[in-house]
Amino acid sequence: MFERGVRAEDLRLVVEHGRCIEEYPDATPFPRRLLLGWIGGRPFHVVAAENPTARETIVVTVYEPDPARWEEGFAKRKRP
């Protein structure tokens, strides 16, 4: 995360206010979602898992999406 220039407070904003672009309700051990957020004009994807028992959100990964794999706006995957 820090290697990619993402600060903890920026990540928190994406998790709280980012746009959910995909959901993975059958993921284990907790359901996950893919969020899109913008930090300093750069798009970022955050995969977050929800643990409702502990009332916590677990960040699985954060990355800058590859324009070759995502349509303009980074909210939809390109078809192969």
Protein backbone atom coordinates (compact mmCIF):
# COMPACT_ATOMS: atom_id res chain seq x y z
CA MET A 1 0.00 0.00 0.00
CA PHE A 2 2.64 2.51 1.02
CA GLU A 3 4.84 1.42 -1.90
CA ARG A 4 2.01 2.48 -4.22
CA GLY A 5 1.74 5.94 -2.71
CA VAL A 6 -1.50 5.28 -0.81
CA ARG A 7 -1.79 6.73 2.66
CA ALA A 8 -3.94 5.07 5.34
CA GLU A 9 -6.33 8.03 5.42
CA ASP A 10 -6.77 7.87 1.61
CA LEU A 11 -7.49 4.16 1.83
CA ARG A 12 -10.07 4.78 4.55
CA LEU A 13 -11.84 7.31 2.31
CA VAL A 14 -12.01 4.82 -0.57
CA VAL A 15 -13.42 2.14 1.73
CA GLU A 16 -16.00 4.51 3.21
CA HIS A 17 -16.96 6.47 0.09
CA GLY A 18 -15.67 4.54 -2.92
CA ARG A 19 -17.96 3.10 -5.55
CA CYS A 20 -18.67 -0.61 -5.30
CA ILE A 21 -18.10 -1.99 -8.81
CA GLU A 22 -18.16 -5.75 -8.10
CA GLU A 23 -19.40 -7.94 -5.27
CA TYR A 24 -18.21 -11.40 -4.27
CA PRO A 25 -20.84 -12.61 -1.76
CA ASP A 26 -19.60 -16.22 -1.80
CA ALA A 27 -15.96 -15.37 -0.97
CA THR A 28 -14.60 -17.02 2.13
CA PRO A 29 -14.14 -16.54 4.94
CA PHE A 30 -16.06 -13.26 4.42
CA PRO A 31 -17.98 -11.64 1.55
CA ARG A 32 -15.86 -9.20 -0.46
CA ARG A 33 -16.38 -6.22 -2.71
CA LEU A 34 -14.27 -4.34 -5.20
CA LEU A 35 -14.28 -0.59 -4.69
CA LEU A 36 -13.17 2.16 -7.04
CA GLY A 37 -11.81 5.38 -5.61
CA TRP A 38 -9.63 8.25 -6.77
CA ILE A 39 -6.62 9.51 -4.85
CA GLY A 40 -4.88 12.60 -6.14
CA GLY A 41 -6.39 12.06 -9.60
CA ARG A 42 -5.21 8.42 -9.73
CA PRO A 43 -7.71 5.55 -9.79
CA PHE A 44 -7.39 2.82 -7.19
CA HIS A 45 -9.17 -0.47 -6.65
CA VAL A 46 -9.61 -1.78 -3.13
CA VAL A 47 -10.78 -5.31 -2.38
CA ALA A 48 -12.40 -5.29 1.05
CA ALA A 49 -13.89 -8.15 3.07
CA GLU A 50 -16.70 -7.58 5.54
CA ASN A 51 -16.67 -9.37 8.90
CA PRO A 52 -20.14 -8.60 10.29
CA THR A 53 -19.56 -10.46 13.56
CA ALA A 54 -16.63 -8.25 14.51
CA ARG A 55 -18.14 -5.26 12.67
CA GLU A 56 -14.91 -4.72 10.76
CA THR A 57 -13.74 -4.21 7.20
CA ILE A 58 -10.58 -6.03 6.17
CA VAL A 59 -8.57 -4.62 3.28
CA VAL A 60 -7.39 -7.54 1.16
CA THR A 61 -5.49 -5.55 -1.45
CA VAL A 62 -5.21 -2.14 -3.05
CA TYR A 63 -3.86 -1.50 -6.54
CA GLU A 64 -3.90 0.93 -9.44
CA PRO A 65 -5.97 -0.69 -12.21
CA ASP A 66 -4.32 -1.53 -15.52
CA PRO A 67 -5.90 0.50 -18.37
CA ALA A 68 -5.35 -2.47 -20.70
CA ARG A 69 -7.72 -4.58 -18.57
CA TRP A 70 -10.33 -1.98 -17.61
CA GLU A 71 -12.65 0.20 -19.65
CA GLU A 72 -12.38 3.97 -19.43
CA GLY A 73 -13.29 5.06 -15.90
CA PHE A 74 -11.95 1.77 -14.43
CA ALA A 75 -15.37 0.56 -13.29
CA LYS A 76 -15.88 -2.25 -15.81
CA ARG A 77 -13.52 -4.98 -17.01
CA LYS A 78 -12.76 -5.17 -20.70
CA ARG A 79 -13.99 -8.28 -22.44
CA PRO A 80 -11.30 -10.67 -23.70
